[in-house]
Amino acid sequence: MAYDEGLAQILRDHLTALQGVEEKKMFGGICFMFNGNMLCGVHKGGGMFRVGKDNHAEALKIEGVSPMAFTGRPMGGMVDVAPHLMADDERRGQVMRLALDFVGNLPAK
């Protein structure tokens, strides 16, 4: 298994009441899609959230959040989340709100 199933369950539990969420395997982990758009997920080293470019700087202010750089180059609008932050309901919630703010305004696919 290339990702931590416990972290995936934390996201499942966080998103359980939200309609329009589905899981997809990608990038060697699990992504959670909201109305067909990537919202967040887990990978071998923790989690990732799609916060959008307008929310990117605000997300990086949260301890445990860093730029997403799977290929060695930063991916605009995506942030990487350390495993310890994923287990912190308050800080994970802050990042999730930024991601939902961005992804929730995208057209459904």
PDB file of N, CA and C in Angstrom:
ATOM      1  N   MET A   1       0.848  -1.177   0.000  1.00  0.00           N
ATOM      2  CA  MET A   1       0.000   0.000   0.000  1.00  0.00           C
ATOM      3  C   MET A   1       0.891   1.238   0.000  1.00  0.00           C
ATOM      4  N   ALA A   2       0.667   2.137  -0.932  1.00  0.00           N
ATOM      5  CA  ALA A   2       1.518   3.303  -1.095  1.00  0.00           C
ATOM      6  C   ALA A   2       1.075   4.495  -0.250  1.00  0.00           C
ATOM      7  N   TYR A   3      -0.014   4.351   0.487  1.00  0.00           N
ATOM      8  CA  TYR A   3      -0.507   5.455   1.308  1.00  0.00           C
ATOM      9  C   TYR A   3      -1.006   4.901   2.637  1.00  0.00           C
ATOM     10  N   ASP A   4      -1.212   5.789   3.583  1.00  0.00           N
ATOM     11  CA  ASP A   4      -1.666   5.409   4.920  1.00  0.00           C
ATOM     12  C   ASP A   4      -3.191   5.332   4.925  1.00  0.00           C
ATOM     13  N   GLU A   5      -3.734   4.146   5.084  1.00  0.00           N
ATOM     14  CA  GLU A   5      -5.186   3.955   5.081  1.00  0.00           C
ATOM     15  C   GLU A   5      -5.844   4.709   6.238  1.00  0.00           C
ATOM     16  N   GLY A   6      -5.140   4.867   7.342  1.00  0.00           N
ATOM     17  CA  GLY A   6      -5.676   5.631   8.469  1.00  0.00           C
ATOM     18  C   GLY A   6      -5.916   7.090   8.104  1.00  0.00           C
ATOM     19  N   LEU A   7      -4.995   7.682   7.328  1.00  0.00           N
ATOM     20  CA  LEU A   7      -5.175   9.058   6.883  1.00  0.00           C
ATOM     21  C   LEU A   7      -6.339   9.156   5.904  1.00  0.00           C
ATOM     22  N   ALA A   8      -6.477   8.152   5.042  1.00  0.00           N
ATOM     23  CA  ALA A   8      -7.610   8.132   4.111  1.00  0.00           C
ATOM     24  C   ALA A   8      -8.923   8.080   4.884  1.00  0.00           C
ATOM     25  N   GLN A   9      -8.963   7.302   5.950  1.00  0.00           N
ATOM     26  CA  GLN A   9     -10.193   7.199   6.751  1.00  0.00           C
ATOM     27  C   GLN A   9     -10.515   8.519   7.439  1.00  0.00           C
ATOM     28  N   ILE A  10      -9.488   9.242   7.866  1.00  0.00           N
ATOM     29  CA  ILE A  10      -9.713  10.560   8.472  1.00  0.00           C
ATOM     30  C   ILE A  10     -10.429  11.467   7.475  1.00  0.00           C
ATOM     31  N   LEU A  11      -9.979  11.461   6.215  1.00  0.00           N
ATOM     32  CA  LEU A  11     -10.641  12.289   5.202  1.00  0.00           C
ATOM     33  C   LEU A  11     -12.041  11.778   4.904  1.00  0.00           C
ATOM     34  N   ARG A  12     -12.208  10.466   4.812  1.00  0.00           N
ATOM     35  CA  ARG A  12     -13.554   9.900   4.589  1.00  0.00           C
ATOM     36  C   ARG A  12     -14.517  10.399   5.669  1.00  0.00           C
ATOM     37  N   ASP A  13     -14.073  10.300   6.922  1.00  0.00           N
ATOM     38  CA  ASP A  13     -14.916  10.720   8.042  1.00  0.00           C
ATOM     39  C   ASP A  13     -15.228  12.211   7.974  1.00  0.00           C
ATOM     40  N   HIS A  14     -14.238  13.009   7.583  1.00  0.00           N
ATOM     41  CA  HIS A  14     -14.412  14.458   7.481  1.00  0.00           C
ATOM     42  C   HIS A  14     -15.421  14.812   6.390  1.00  0.00           C
ATOM     43  N   LEU A  15     -15.437  14.031   5.319  1.00  0.00           N
ATOM     44  CA  LEU A  15     -16.262  14.350   4.147  1.00  0.00           C
ATOM     45  C   LEU A  15     -17.589  13.606   4.098  1.00  0.00           C
ATOM     46  N   THR A  16     -17.870  12.780   5.083  1.00  0.00           N
ATOM     47  CA  THR A  16     -19.034  11.891   5.030  1.00  0.00           C
ATOM     48  C   THR A  16     -20.362  12.612   4.814  1.00  0.00           C
ATOM     49  N   ALA A  17     -20.544  13.798   5.362  1.00  0.00           N
ATOM     50  CA  ALA A  17     -21.818  14.509   5.246  1.00  0.00           C
ATOM     51  C   ALA A  17     -21.929  15.334   3.965  1.00  0.00           C
ATOM     52  N   LEU A  18     -20.874  15.423   3.203  1.00  0.00           N
ATOM     53  CA  LEU A  18     -20.858  16.256   1.998  1.00  0.00           C
ATOM     54  C   LEU A  18     -21.328  15.454   0.788  1.00  0.00           C
ATOM     55  N   GLN A  19     -22.389  15.902   0.156  1.00  0.00           N
ATOM     56  CA  GLN A  19     -22.900  15.245  -1.045  1.00  0.00           C
ATOM     57  C   GLN A  19     -21.980  15.543  -2.229  1.00  0.00           C
ATOM     58  N   GLY A  20     -21.852  14.595  -3.151  1.00  0.00           N
ATOM     59  CA  GLY A  20     -21.057  14.809  -4.362  1.00  0.00           C
ATOM     60  C   GLY A  20     -19.600  14.403  -4.226  1.00  0.00           C
ATOM     61  N   VAL A  21     -19.264  13.669  -3.163  1.00  0.00           N
ATOM     62  CA  VAL A  21     -17.874  13.237  -2.945  1.00  0.00           C
ATOM     63  C   VAL A  21     -17.732  11.787  -3.383  1.00  0.00           C
ATOM     64  N   GLU A  22     -16.667  11.506  -4.129  1.00  0.00           N
ATOM     65  CA  GLU A  22     -16.334  10.131  -4.496  1.00  0.00           C
ATOM     66  C   GLU A  22     -14.829   9.949  -4.407  1.00  0.00           C
ATOM     67  N   GLU A  23     -14.404   8.704  -4.240  1.00  0.00           N
ATOM     68  CA  GLU A  23     -12.982   8.368  -4.137  1.00  0.00           C
ATOM     69  C   GLU A  23     -12.471   7.844  -5.468  1.00  0.00           C
ATOM     70  N   LYS A  24     -11.221   8.194  -5.772  1.00  0.00           N
ATOM     71  CA  LYS A  24     -10.550   7.663  -6.954  1.00  0.00           C
ATOM     72  C   LYS A  24      -9.115   7.360  -6.590  1.00  0.00           C
ATOM     73  N   LYS A  25      -8.622   6.233  -7.075  1.00  0.00           N
ATOM     74  CA  LYS A  25      -7.205   5.926  -6.890  1.00  0.00           C
ATOM     75  C   LYS A  25      -6.415   6.686  -7.945  1.00  0.00           C
ATOM     76  N   MET A  26      -5.439   7.435  -7.496  1.00  0.00           N
ATOM     77  CA  MET A  26      -4.528   8.133  -8.412  1.00  0.00           C
ATOM     78  C   MET A  26      -3.272   8.556  -7.679  1.00  0.00           C
ATOM     79  N   PHE A  27      -2.224   8.752  -8.427  1.00  0.00           N
ATOM     80  CA  PHE A  27      -0.922   9.184  -7.899  1.00  0.00           C
ATOM     81  C   PHE A  27      -0.386   8.239  -6.828  1.00  0.00           C
ATOM     82  N   GLY A  28      -0.733   6.966  -6.874  1.00  0.00           N
ATOM     83  CA  GLY A  28      -0.277   6.017  -5.871  1.00  0.00           C
ATOM     84  C   GLY A  28      -0.980   6.176  -4.541  1.00  0.00           C
ATOM     85  N   GLY A  29      -2.097   6.891  -4.542  1.00  0.00           N
ATOM     86  CA  GLY A  29      -2.860   7.113  -3.325  1.00  0.00           C
ATOM     87  C   GLY A  29      -4.341   7.159  -3.633  1.00  0.00           C
ATOM     88  N   ILE A  30      -5.052   7.884  -2.813  1.00  0.00           N
ATOM     89  CA  ILE A  30      -6.502   8.054  -2.973  1.00  0.00           C
ATOM     90  C   ILE A  30      -6.794   9.542  -3.071  1.00  0.00           C
ATOM     91  N   CYS A  31      -7.607   9.914  -4.061  1.00  0.00           N
ATOM     92  CA  CYS A  31      -8.085  11.289  -4.173  1.00  0.00           C
ATOM     93  C   CYS A  31      -9.575  11.308  -3.903  1.00  0.00           C
ATOM     94  N   PHE A  32     -10.018  12.370  -3.291  1.00  0.00           N
ATOM     95  CA  PHE A  32     -11.438  12.586  -3.061  1.00  0.00           C
ATOM     96  C   PHE A  32     -11.882  13.686  -4.017  1.00  0.00           C
ATOM     97  N   MET A  33     -12.863  13.349  -4.817  1.00  0.00           N
ATOM     98  CA  MET A  33     -13.388  14.258  -5.822  1.00  0.00           C
ATOM     99  C   MET A  33     -14.677  14.868  -5.282  1.00  0.00           C
ATOM    100  N   PHE A  34     -14.878  16.156  -5.546  1.00  0.00           N
ATOM    101  CA  PHE A  34     -16.110  16.834  -5.167  1.00  0.00           C
ATOM    102  C   PHE A  34     -16.758  17.352  -6.435  1.00  0.00           C
ATOM    103  N   ASN A  35     -17.919  16.818  -6.754  1.00  0.00           N
ATOM    104  CA  ASN A  35     -18.622  17.141  -7.996  1.00  0.00           C
ATOM    105  C   ASN A  35     -17.721  16.954  -9.214  1.00  0.00           C
ATOM    106  N   GLY A  36     -16.883  15.917  -9.163  1.00  0.00           N
ATOM    107  CA  GLY A  36     -16.018  15.561 -10.276  1.00  0.00           C
ATOM    108  C   GLY A  36     -14.683  16.273 -10.309  1.00  0.00           C
ATOM    109  N   ASN A  37     -14.420  17.175  -9.371  1.00  0.00           N
ATOM    110  CA  ASN A  37     -13.161  17.919  -9.313  1.00  0.00           C
ATOM    111  C   ASN A  37     -12.334  17.448  -8.123  1.00  0.00           C
ATOM    112  N   MET A  38     -11.027  17.327  -8.319  1.00  0.00           N
ATOM    113  CA  MET A  38     -10.150  16.901  -7.236  1.00  0.00           C
ATOM    114  C   MET A  38     -10.209  17.902  -6.083  1.00  0.00           C
ATOM    115  N   LEU A  39     -10.423  17.383  -4.876  1.00  0.00           N
ATOM    116  CA  LEU A  39     -10.506  18.198  -3.670  1.00  0.00           C
ATOM    117  C   LEU A  39      -9.301  17.968  -2.767  1.00  0.00           C
ATOM    118  N   CYS A  40      -9.033  16.706  -2.436  1.00  0.00           N
ATOM    119  CA  CYS A  40      -7.967  16.378  -1.500  1.00  0.00           C
ATOM    120  C   CYS A  40      -7.624  14.905  -1.658  1.00  0.00           C
ATOM    121  N   GLY A  41      -6.626  14.458  -0.933  1.00  0.00           N
ATOM    122  CA  GLY A  41      -6.266  13.057  -1.000  1.00  0.00           C
ATOM    123  C   GLY A  41      -5.140  12.722  -0.057  1.00  0.00           C
ATOM    124  N   VAL A  42      -4.736  11.455  -0.121  1.00  0.00           N
ATOM    125  CA  VAL A  42      -3.610  10.980   0.674  1.00  0.00           C
ATOM    126  C   VAL A  42      -2.615  10.296  -0.253  1.00  0.00           C
ATOM    127  N   HIS A  43      -1.364  10.383   0.124  1.00  0.00           N
ATOM    128  CA  HIS A  43      -0.273   9.740  -0.610  1.00  0.00           C
ATOM    129  C   HIS A  43       0.706   9.194   0.409  1.00  0.00           C
ATOM    130  N   LYS A  44       1.772   8.634  -0.062  1.00  0.00           N
ATOM    131  CA  LYS A  44       2.737   7.973   0.825  1.00  0.00           C
ATOM    132  C   LYS A  44       3.236   8.878   1.953  1.00  0.00           C
ATOM    133  N   GLY A  45       3.397  10.165   1.684  1.00  0.00           N
ATOM    134  CA  GLY A  45       3.977  11.058   2.682  1.00  0.00           C
ATOM    135  C   GLY A  45       3.002  11.928   3.437  1.00  0.00           C
ATOM    136  N   GLY A  46       1.716  11.672   3.359  1.00  0.00           N
ATOM    137  CA  GLY A  46       0.747  12.504   4.068  1.00  0.00           C
ATOM    138  C   GLY A  46      -0.475  12.776   3.223  1.00  0.00           C
ATOM    139  N   GLY A  47      -0.870  14.036   3.182  1.00  0.00           N
ATOM    140  CA  GLY A  47      -2.069  14.406   2.439  1.00  0.00           C
ATOM    141  C   GLY A  47      -1.800  15.535   1.469  1.00  0.00           C
ATOM    142  N   MET A  48      -2.808  15.807   0.645  1.00  0.00           N
ATOM    143  CA  MET A  48      -2.719  16.915  -0.301  1.00  0.00           C
ATOM    144  C   MET A  48      -4.104  17.533  -0.426  1.00  0.00           C
ATOM    145  N   PHE A  49      -4.126  18.830  -0.667  1.00  0.00           N
ATOM    146  CA  PHE A  49      -5.369  19.565  -0.812  1.00  0.00           C
ATOM    147  C   PHE A  49      -5.244  20.523  -1.989  1.00  0.00           C
ATOM    148  N   ARG A  50      -6.334  20.648  -2.727  1.00  0.00           N
ATOM    149  CA  ARG A  50      -6.387  21.582  -3.851  1.00  0.00           C
ATOM    150  C   ARG A  50      -7.059  22.854  -3.349  1.00  0.00           C
ATOM    151  N   VAL A  51      -6.262  23.830  -2.962  1.00  0.00           N
ATOM    152  CA  VAL A  51      -6.774  25.061  -2.373  1.00  0.00           C
ATOM    153  C   VAL A  51      -6.930  26.185  -3.386  1.00  0.00           C
ATOM    154  N   GLY A  52      -6.361  26.034  -4.568  1.00  0.00           N
ATOM    155  CA  GLY A  52      -6.418  27.085  -5.580  1.00  0.00           C
ATOM    156  C   GLY A  52      -5.341  28.126  -5.353  1.00  0.00           C
ATOM    157  N   LYS A  53      -5.015  28.830  -6.411  1.00  0.00           N
ATOM    158  CA  LYS A  53      -3.928  29.814  -6.321  1.00  0.00           C
ATOM    159  C   LYS A  53      -4.260  30.973  -5.397  1.00  0.00           C
ATOM    160  N   ASP A  54      -5.528  31.387  -5.333  1.00  0.00           N
ATOM    161  CA  ASP A  54      -5.895  32.510  -4.465  1.00  0.00           C
ATOM    162  C   ASP A  54      -5.788  32.162  -2.984  1.00  0.00           C
ATOM    163  N   ASN A  55      -5.948  30.896  -2.625  1.00  0.00           N
ATOM    164  CA  ASN A  55      -5.880  30.451  -1.224  1.00  0.00           C
ATOM    165  C   ASN A  55      -4.519  29.856  -0.855  1.00  0.00           C
ATOM    166  N   HIS A  56      -3.626  29.756  -1.825  1.00  0.00           N
ATOM    167  CA  HIS A  56      -2.348  29.066  -1.632  1.00  0.00           C
ATOM    168  C   HIS A  56      -1.521  29.690  -0.511  1.00  0.00           C
ATOM    169  N   ALA A  57      -1.329  30.994  -0.549  1.00  0.00           N
ATOM    170  CA  ALA A  57      -0.498  31.670   0.468  1.00  0.00           C
ATOM    171  C   ALA A  57      -1.094  31.510   1.858  1.00  0.00           C
ATOM    172  N   GLU A  58      -2.414  31.607   1.965  1.00  0.00           N
ATOM    173  CA  GLU A  58      -3.066  31.449   3.270  1.00  0.00           C
ATOM    174  C   GLU A  58      -2.872  30.033   3.806  1.00  0.00           C
ATOM    175  N   ALA A  59      -2.974  29.041   2.933  1.00  0.00           N
ATOM    176  CA  ALA A  59      -2.782  27.645   3.354  1.00  0.00           C
ATOM    177  C   ALA A  59      -1.358  27.421   3.855  1.00  0.00           C
ATOM    178  N   LEU A  60      -0.380  28.034   3.205  1.00  0.00           N
ATOM    179  CA  LEU A  60       1.017  27.835   3.591  1.00  0.00           C
ATOM    180  C   LEU A  60       1.350  28.436   4.955  1.00  0.00           C
ATOM    181  N   LYS A  61       0.491  29.293   5.479  1.00  0.00           N
ATOM    182  CA  LYS A  61       0.695  29.859   6.812  1.00  0.00           C
ATOM    183  C   LYS A  61       0.369  28.861   7.922  1.00  0.00           C
ATOM    184  N   ILE A  62      -0.332  27.787   7.580  1.00  0.00           N
ATOM    185  CA  ILE A  62      -0.735  26.786   8.565  1.00  0.00           C
ATOM    186  C   ILE A  62       0.427  25.825   8.799  1.00  0.00           C
ATOM    187  N   GLU A  63       0.820  25.652  10.057  1.00  0.00           N
ATOM    188  CA  GLU A  63       1.954  24.783  10.400  1.00  0.00           C
ATOM    189  C   GLU A  63       1.679  23.361   9.904  1.00  0.00           C
ATOM    190  N   GLY A  64       2.634  22.799   9.161  1.00  0.00           N
ATOM    191  CA  GLY A  64       2.495  21.455   8.613  1.00  0.00           C
ATOM    192  C   GLY A  64       2.104  21.428   7.154  1.00  0.00           C
ATOM    193  N   VAL A  65       1.856  22.607   6.554  1.00  0.00           N
ATOM    194  CA  VAL A  65       1.482  22.707   5.141  1.00  0.00           C
ATOM    195  C   VAL A  65       2.689  23.216   4.357  1.00  0.00           C
ATOM    196  N   SER A  66       2.931  22.600   3.210  1.00  0.00           N
ATOM    197  CA  SER A  66       4.038  23.029   2.347  1.00  0.00           C
ATOM    198  C   SER A  66       3.573  22.952   0.889  1.00  0.00           C
ATOM    199  N   PRO A  67       4.337  23.569  -0.014  1.00  0.00           N
ATOM    200  CA  PRO A  67       3.955  23.489  -1.428  1.00  0.00           C
ATOM    201  C   PRO A  67       3.991  22.037  -1.915  1.00  0.00           C
ATOM    202  N   MET A  68       3.062  21.675  -2.763  1.00  0.00           N
ATOM    203  CA  MET A  68       3.025  20.334  -3.373  1.00  0.00           C
ATOM    204  C   MET A  68       4.034  20.327  -4.505  1.00  0.00           C
ATOM    205  N   ALA A  69       4.939  19.352  -4.488  1.00  0.00           N
ATOM    206  CA  ALA A  69       5.972  19.275  -5.527  1.00  0.00           C
ATOM    207  C   ALA A  69       6.316  17.813  -5.802  1.00  0.00           C
ATOM    208  N   PHE A  70       5.356  17.039  -6.305  1.00  0.00           N
ATOM    209  CA  PHE A  70       5.601  15.628  -6.620  1.00  0.00           C
ATOM    210  C   PHE A  70       6.770  15.454  -7.580  1.00  0.00           C
ATOM    211  N   THR A  71       6.863  16.325  -8.564  1.00  0.00           N
ATOM    212  CA  THR A  71       7.878  16.181  -9.604  1.00  0.00           C
ATOM    213  C   THR A  71       9.124  17.018  -9.327  1.00  0.00           C
ATOM    214  N   GLY A  72       9.169  17.656  -8.168  1.00  0.00           N
ATOM    215  CA  GLY A  72      10.286  18.529  -7.861  1.00  0.00           C
ATOM    216  C   GLY A  72       9.979  19.982  -8.171  1.00  0.00           C
ATOM    217  N   ARG A  73       8.887  20.217  -8.890  1.00  0.00           N
ATOM    218  CA  ARG A  73       8.450  21.579  -9.190  1.00  0.00           C
ATOM    219  C   ARG A  73       7.134  21.833  -8.455  1.00  0.00           C
ATOM    220  N   PRO A  74       6.991  23.010  -7.833  1.00  0.00           N
ATOM    221  CA  PRO A  74       5.746  23.315  -7.117  1.00  0.00           C
ATOM    222  C   PRO A  74       4.537  23.289  -8.059  1.00  0.00           C
ATOM    223  N   MET A  75       3.438  22.758  -7.551  1.00  0.00           N
ATOM    224  CA  MET A  75       2.186  22.717  -8.303  1.00  0.00           C
ATOM    225  C   MET A  75       1.295  23.825  -7.752  1.00  0.00           C
ATOM    226  N   GLY A  76       1.070  24.867  -8.521  1.00  0.00           N
ATOM    227  CA  GLY A  76       0.259  25.998  -8.081  1.00  0.00           C
ATOM    228  C   GLY A  76      -1.129  25.571  -7.641  1.00  0.00           C
ATOM    229  N   GLY A  77      -1.553  26.074  -6.507  1.00  0.00           N
ATOM    230  CA  GLY A  77      -2.887  25.796  -6.020  1.00  0.00           C
ATOM    231  C   GLY A  77      -3.028  24.489  -5.261  1.00  0.00           C
ATOM    232  N   MET A  78      -1.951  23.708  -5.182  1.00  0.00           N
ATOM    233  CA  MET A  78      -1.964  22.427  -4.460  1.00  0.00           C
ATOM    234  C   MET A  78      -0.999  22.530  -3.286  1.00  0.00           C
ATOM    235  N   VAL A  79      -1.396  21.970  -2.149  1.00  0.00           N
ATOM    236  CA  VAL A  79      -0.505  21.959  -0.989  1.00  0.00           C
ATOM    237  C   VAL A  79      -0.366  20.552  -0.445  1.00  0.00           C
ATOM    238  N   ASP A  80       0.789  20.306   0.126  1.00  0.00           N
ATOM    239  CA  ASP A  80       1.114  19.039   0.770  1.00  0.00           C
ATOM    240  C   ASP A  80       0.895  19.224   2.266  1.00  0.00           C
ATOM    241  N   VAL A  81       0.367  18.204   2.921  1.00  0.00           N
ATOM    242  CA  VAL A  81       0.046  18.288   4.337  1.00  0.00           C
ATOM    243  C   VAL A  81       0.744  17.144   5.067  1.00  0.00           C
ATOM    244  N   ALA A  82       1.519  17.493   6.077  1.00  0.00           N
ATOM    245  CA  ALA A  82       2.247  16.497   6.862  1.00  0.00           C
ATOM    246  C   ALA A  82       1.272  15.584   7.602  1.00  0.00           C
ATOM    247  N   PRO A  83       1.666  14.328   7.835  1.00  0.00           N
ATOM    248  CA  PRO A  83       0.777  13.387   8.528  1.00  0.00           C
ATOM    249  C   PRO A  83       0.268  13.886   9.882  1.00  0.00           C
ATOM    250  N   HIS A  84       1.116  14.572  10.649  1.00  0.00           N
ATOM    251  CA  HIS A  84       0.667  15.055  11.962  1.00  0.00           C
ATOM    252  C   HIS A  84      -0.438  16.104  11.826  1.00  0.00           C
ATOM    253  N   LEU A  85      -0.427  16.889  10.764  1.00  0.00           N
ATOM    254  CA  LEU A  85      -1.500  17.861  10.544  1.00  0.00           C
ATOM    255  C   LEU A  85      -2.798  17.147  10.170  1.00  0.00           C
ATOM    256  N   MET A  86      -2.701  16.070   9.411  1.00  0.00           N
ATOM    257  CA  MET A  86      -3.896  15.323   9.013  1.00  0.00           C
ATOM    258  C   MET A  86      -4.659  14.832  10.241  1.00  0.00           C
ATOM    259  N   ALA A  87      -3.959  14.539  11.314  1.00  0.00           N
ATOM    260  CA  ALA A  87      -4.592  14.043  12.530  1.00  0.00           C
ATOM    261  C   ALA A  87      -5.103  15.169  13.431  1.00  0.00           C
ATOM    262  N   ASP A  88      -4.808  16.418  13.072  1.00  0.00           N
ATOM    263  CA  ASP A  88      -5.226  17.576  13.865  1.00  0.00           C
ATOM    264  C   ASP A  88      -6.516  18.138  13.261  1.00  0.00           C
ATOM    265  N   ASP A  89      -7.648  17.880  13.926  1.00  0.00           N
ATOM    266  CA  ASP A  89      -8.948  18.268  13.378  1.00  0.00           C
ATOM    267  C   ASP A  89      -9.032  19.758  13.036  1.00  0.00           C
ATOM    268  N   GLU A  90      -8.504  20.609  13.898  1.00  0.00           N
ATOM    269  CA  GLU A  90      -8.610  22.054  13.685  1.00  0.00           C
ATOM    270  C   GLU A  90      -7.808  22.507  12.462  1.00  0.00           C
ATOM    271  N   ARG A  91      -6.545  22.139  12.411  1.00  0.00           N
ATOM    272  CA  ARG A  91      -5.710  22.592  11.288  1.00  0.00           C
ATOM    273  C   ARG A  91      -6.121  21.919   9.981  1.00  0.00           C
ATOM    274  N   ARG A  92      -6.451  20.624  10.026  1.00  0.00           N
ATOM    275  CA  ARG A  92      -6.936  19.954   8.813  1.00  0.00           C
ATOM    276  C   ARG A  92      -8.222  20.638   8.339  1.00  0.00           C
ATOM    277  N   GLY A  93      -9.069  21.009   9.291  1.00  0.00           N
ATOM    278  CA  GLY A  93     -10.299  21.708   8.951  1.00  0.00           C
ATOM    279  C   GLY A  93     -10.046  23.042   8.270  1.00  0.00           C
ATOM    280  N   GLN A  94      -9.006  23.760   8.700  1.00  0.00           N
ATOM    281  CA  GLN A  94      -8.661  25.033   8.061  1.00  0.00           C
ATOM    282  C   GLN A  94      -8.279  24.815   6.597  1.00  0.00           C
ATOM    283  N   VAL A  95      -7.449  23.806   6.352  1.00  0.00           N
ATOM    284  CA  VAL A  95      -7.016  23.523   4.981  1.00  0.00           C
ATOM    285  C   VAL A  95      -8.205  23.024   4.160  1.00  0.00           C
ATOM    286  N   MET A  96      -9.044  22.190   4.758  1.00  0.00           N
ATOM    287  CA  MET A  96     -10.215  21.678   4.049  1.00  0.00           C
ATOM    288  C   MET A  96     -11.155  22.813   3.651  1.00  0.00           C
ATOM    289  N   ARG A  97     -11.357  23.778   4.546  1.00  0.00           N
ATOM    290  CA  ARG A  97     -12.227  24.917   4.219  1.00  0.00           C
ATOM    291  C   ARG A  97     -11.688  25.691   3.030  1.00  0.00           C
ATOM    292  N   LEU A  98     -10.372  25.878   2.972  1.00  0.00           N
ATOM    293  CA  LEU A  98      -9.774  26.571   1.829  1.00  0.00           C
ATOM    294  C   LEU A  98      -9.980  25.774   0.544  1.00  0.00           C
ATOM    295  N   ALA A  99      -9.821  24.447   0.640  1.00  0.00           N
ATOM    296  CA  ALA A  99     -10.013  23.592  -0.539  1.00  0.00           C
ATOM    297  C   ALA A  99     -11.477  23.603  -0.983  1.00  0.00           C
ATOM    298  N   LEU A 100     -12.397  23.497  -0.039  1.00  0.00           N
ATOM    299  CA  LEU A 100     -13.828  23.518  -0.394  1.00  0.00           C
ATOM    300  C   LEU A 100     -14.239  24.874  -0.956  1.00  0.00           C
ATOM    301  N   ASP A 101     -13.636  25.944  -0.442  1.00  0.00           N
ATOM    302  CA  ASP A 101     -13.915  27.277  -0.960  1.00  0.00           C
ATOM    303  C   ASP A 101     -13.543  27.358  -2.443  1.00  0.00           C
ATOM    304  N   PHE A 102     -12.409  26.765  -2.784  1.00  0.00           N
ATOM    305  CA  PHE A 102     -11.961  26.795  -4.176  1.00  0.00           C
ATOM    306  C   PHE A 102     -12.731  25.794  -5.042  1.00  0.00           C
ATOM    307  N   VAL A 103     -12.694  24.541  -4.670  1.00  0.00           N
ATOM    308  CA  VAL A 103     -13.281  23.481  -5.489  1.00  0.00           C
ATOM    309  C   VAL A 103     -14.812  23.606  -5.554  1.00  0.00           C
ATOM    310  N   GLY A 104     -15.414  24.078  -4.474  1.00  0.00           N
ATOM    311  CA  GLY A 104     -16.864  24.251  -4.455  1.00  0.00           C
ATOM    312  C   GLY A 104     -17.375  25.268  -5.445  1.00  0.00           C
ATOM    313  N   ASN A 105     -16.502  26.146  -5.916  1.00  0.00           N
ATOM    314  CA  ASN A 105     -16.895  27.155  -6.890  1.00  0.00           C
ATOM    315  C   ASN A 105     -16.567  26.754  -8.332  1.00  0.00           C
ATOM    316  N   LEU A 106     -15.993  25.583  -8.517  1.00  0.00           N
ATOM    317  CA  LEU A 106     -15.707  25.093  -9.875  1.00  0.00           C
ATOM    318  C   LEU A 106     -16.962  24.461 -10.472  1.00  0.00           C
ATOM    319  N   PRO A 107     -17.120  24.512 -11.790  1.00  0.00           N
ATOM    320  CA  PRO A 107     -18.258  23.830 -12.403  1.00  0.00           C
ATOM    321  C   PRO A 107     -18.137  22.315 -12.215  1.00  0.00           C
ATOM    322  N   ALA A 108     -19.258  21.673 -11.967  1.00  0.00           N
ATOM    323  CA  ALA A 108     -19.261  20.215 -11.813  1.00  0.00           C
ATOM    324  C   ALA A 108     -18.859  19.557 -13.111  1.00  0.00           C
ATOM    325  N   LYS A 109     -18.182  18.418 -13.008  1.00  0.00           N
ATOM    326  CA  LYS A 109     -17.775  17.660 -14.204  1.00  0.00           C
ATOM    327  C   LYS A 109     -18.677  16.468 -14.366  1.00  0.00           C
TER     328      LYS A 109
END
